Amino acid sequence: MRTQFAALLALVIATGCAVGSGAVVKGAGPDDLLKLREGPGLNHRIIIGLPDGTRLTRQNCVTNSGKVWCRVLLTDKPGISGYVSADYLAHR
């Protein structure tokens, strides 16, 4: 249990999953969009596609099937929120 907690803490620190922290979409690519989903996982409905550079406010992050998903709000439109893969988030 202690080892699992330490691993989870390291993951949170590494991915920067601090509630309310600023993030930006990075790595989706010039011809693709990061999918904002209703829930944490590929099986959830896509709300909207986000291009690289989209500013987000990160909320809590969860692990689903070995992948980290973060609940985010669009910084410029906070009424729009959902989950994105933490793999495509960078600090701003």
C-alpha atoms as a PDB file:
ATOM      1  CA  MET A   1       0.000   0.000   0.000  1.00  0.00           C
ATOM      2  CA  ARG A   2       2.800   2.411   0.887  1.00  0.00           C
ATOM      3  CA  THR A   3       4.544   1.684  -2.430  1.00  0.00           C
ATOM      4  CA  GLN A   4       1.313   2.317  -4.356  1.00  0.00           C
ATOM      5  CA  PHE A   5       0.819   5.637  -2.565  1.00  0.00           C
ATOM      6  CA  ALA A   6       4.386   6.706  -3.339  1.00  0.00           C
ATOM      7  CA  ALA A   7       3.937   5.766  -7.002  1.00  0.00           C
ATOM      8  CA  LEU A   8       0.644   7.685  -7.195  1.00  0.00           C
ATOM      9  CA  LEU A   9       2.205  10.724  -5.543  1.00  0.00           C
ATOM     10  CA  ALA A  10       5.113  10.643  -7.998  1.00  0.00           C
ATOM     11  CA  LEU A  11       2.668  10.411 -10.906  1.00  0.00           C
ATOM     12  CA  VAL A  12       0.650  13.370  -9.667  1.00  0.00           C
ATOM     13  CA  ILE A  13       3.788  15.451  -9.271  1.00  0.00           C
ATOM     14  CA  ALA A  14       5.156  14.373 -12.666  1.00  0.00           C
ATOM     15  CA  THR A  15       1.941  15.129 -14.539  1.00  0.00           C
ATOM     16  CA  GLY A  16       1.310  18.363 -12.647  1.00  0.00           C
ATOM     17  CA  CYS A  17      -2.217  17.434 -11.672  1.00  0.00           C
ATOM     18  CA  ALA A  18      -2.638  20.243  -9.179  1.00  0.00           C
ATOM     19  CA  VAL A  19      -6.250  21.392  -9.009  1.00  0.00           C
ATOM     20  CA  GLY A  20      -6.727  24.764 -10.655  1.00  0.00           C
ATOM     21  CA  SER A  21      -3.355  24.754 -12.400  1.00  0.00           C
ATOM     22  CA  GLY A  22      -2.984  26.144 -15.890  1.00  0.00           C
ATOM     23  CA  ALA A  23      -2.337  23.818 -18.792  1.00  0.00           C
ATOM     24  CA  VAL A  24      -2.129  24.004 -22.549  1.00  0.00           C
ATOM     25  CA  VAL A  25      -2.853  21.366 -25.192  1.00  0.00           C
ATOM     26  CA  LYS A  26       0.445  20.154 -26.660  1.00  0.00           C
ATOM     27  CA  GLY A  27       1.240  17.291 -29.003  1.00  0.00           C
ATOM     28  CA  ALA A  28      -2.089  16.770 -30.770  1.00  0.00           C
ATOM     29  CA  GLY A  29      -0.358  17.746 -33.994  1.00  0.00           C
ATOM     30  CA  PRO A  30      -1.038  20.274 -36.735  1.00  0.00           C
ATOM     31  CA  ASP A  31      -3.695  18.146 -38.441  1.00  0.00           C
ATOM     32  CA  ASP A  32      -5.387  16.659 -35.361  1.00  0.00           C
ATOM     33  CA  LEU A  33      -7.365  17.714 -32.300  1.00  0.00           C
ATOM     34  CA  LEU A  34      -7.277  16.538 -28.696  1.00  0.00           C
ATOM     35  CA  LYS A  35     -10.691  15.118 -27.847  1.00  0.00           C
ATOM     36  CA  LEU A  36     -12.456  16.626 -24.825  1.00  0.00           C
ATOM     37  CA  ARG A  37     -14.631  13.791 -23.508  1.00  0.00           C
ATOM     38  CA  GLU A  38     -17.558  13.515 -21.115  1.00  0.00           C
ATOM     39  CA  GLY A  39     -15.680  11.058 -18.904  1.00  0.00           C
ATOM     40  CA  PRO A  40     -12.192   9.679 -18.278  1.00  0.00           C
ATOM     41  CA  GLY A  41     -11.695   7.154 -21.068  1.00  0.00           C
ATOM     42  CA  LEU A  42     -11.948   6.498 -24.782  1.00  0.00           C
ATOM     43  CA  ASN A  43     -15.426   5.019 -24.380  1.00  0.00           C
ATOM     44  CA  HIS A  44     -16.919   8.395 -23.415  1.00  0.00           C
ATOM     45  CA  ARG A  45     -18.614  10.725 -25.876  1.00  0.00           C
ATOM     46  CA  ILE A  46     -16.491  13.447 -27.494  1.00  0.00           C
ATOM     47  CA  ILE A  47     -17.648  16.962 -26.589  1.00  0.00           C
ATOM     48  CA  ILE A  48     -15.280  18.969 -28.801  1.00  0.00           C
ATOM     49  CA  GLY A  49     -11.835  18.809 -30.413  1.00  0.00           C
ATOM     50  CA  LEU A  50      -9.104  21.064 -29.041  1.00  0.00           C
ATOM     51  CA  PRO A  51      -6.163  22.258 -31.166  1.00  0.00           C
ATOM     52  CA  ASP A  52      -2.619  22.611 -29.849  1.00  0.00           C
ATOM     53  CA  GLY A  53      -2.261  25.790 -27.810  1.00  0.00           C
ATOM     54  CA  THR A  54      -5.759  25.677 -26.287  1.00  0.00           C
ATOM     55  CA  ARG A  55      -5.540  27.059 -22.735  1.00  0.00           C
ATOM     56  CA  LEU A  56      -7.117  24.889 -20.044  1.00  0.00           C
ATOM     57  CA  THR A  57      -7.601  24.946 -16.281  1.00  0.00           C
ATOM     58  CA  ARG A  58      -6.768  21.530 -14.874  1.00  0.00           C
ATOM     59  CA  GLN A  59      -8.983  20.017 -12.208  1.00  0.00           C
ATOM     60  CA  ASN A  60      -8.561  16.541 -10.709  1.00  0.00           C
ATOM     61  CA  CYS A  61      -6.833  13.688 -12.535  1.00  0.00           C
ATOM     62  CA  VAL A  62      -7.754   9.998 -12.418  1.00  0.00           C
ATOM     63  CA  THR A  63      -6.308   6.797 -13.802  1.00  0.00           C
ATOM     64  CA  ASN A  64      -8.490   4.631 -16.027  1.00  0.00           C
ATOM     65  CA  SER A  65      -7.093   1.467 -17.647  1.00  0.00           C
ATOM     66  CA  GLY A  66      -3.533   2.581 -16.902  1.00  0.00           C
ATOM     67  CA  LYS A  67      -3.946   6.009 -18.550  1.00  0.00           C
ATOM     68  CA  VAL A  68      -4.153   9.337 -16.683  1.00  0.00           C
ATOM     69  CA  TRP A  69      -7.141  11.542 -17.546  1.00  0.00           C
ATOM     70  CA  CYS A  70      -7.613  15.079 -16.240  1.00  0.00           C
ATOM     71  CA  ARG A  71     -10.841  16.966 -15.832  1.00  0.00           C
ATOM     72  CA  VAL A  72     -10.332  20.383 -17.428  1.00  0.00           C
ATOM     73  CA  LEU A  73     -12.200  23.613 -18.068  1.00  0.00           C
ATOM     74  CA  LEU A  74     -11.571  25.728 -21.142  1.00  0.00           C
ATOM     75  CA  THR A  75      -9.878  28.818 -19.696  1.00  0.00           C
ATOM     76  CA  ASP A  76     -11.611  31.179 -22.129  1.00  0.00           C
ATOM     77  CA  LYS A  77     -14.996  29.383 -21.840  1.00  0.00           C
ATOM     78  CA  PRO A  78     -15.174  27.835 -18.321  1.00  0.00           C
ATOM     79  CA  GLY A  79     -18.702  26.589 -18.979  1.00  0.00           C
ATOM     80  CA  ILE A  80     -17.164  23.922 -21.227  1.00  0.00           C
ATOM     81  CA  SER A  81     -15.500  21.104 -19.317  1.00  0.00           C
ATOM     82  CA  GLY A  82     -14.636  17.457 -19.666  1.00  0.00           C
ATOM     83  CA  TYR A  83     -11.727  15.003 -19.592  1.00  0.00           C
ATOM     84  CA  VAL A  84      -8.570  14.853 -21.699  1.00  0.00           C
ATOM     85  CA  SER A  85      -5.570  12.558 -21.697  1.00  0.00           C
ATOM     86  CA  ALA A  86      -2.792  13.965 -19.489  1.00  0.00           C
ATOM     87  CA  ASP A  87      -0.321  12.898 -22.202  1.00  0.00           C
ATOM     88  CA  TYR A  88      -1.320  15.989 -24.203  1.00  0.00           C
ATOM     89  CA  LEU A  89      -1.117  18.603 -21.456  1.00  0.00           C
ATOM     90  CA  ALA A  90       1.792  20.931 -20.745  1.00  0.00           C
ATOM     91  CA  HIS A  91       2.173  23.556 -18.029  1.00  0.00           C
ATOM     92  CA  ARG A  92       1.629  27.138 -19.070  1.00  0.00           C
END
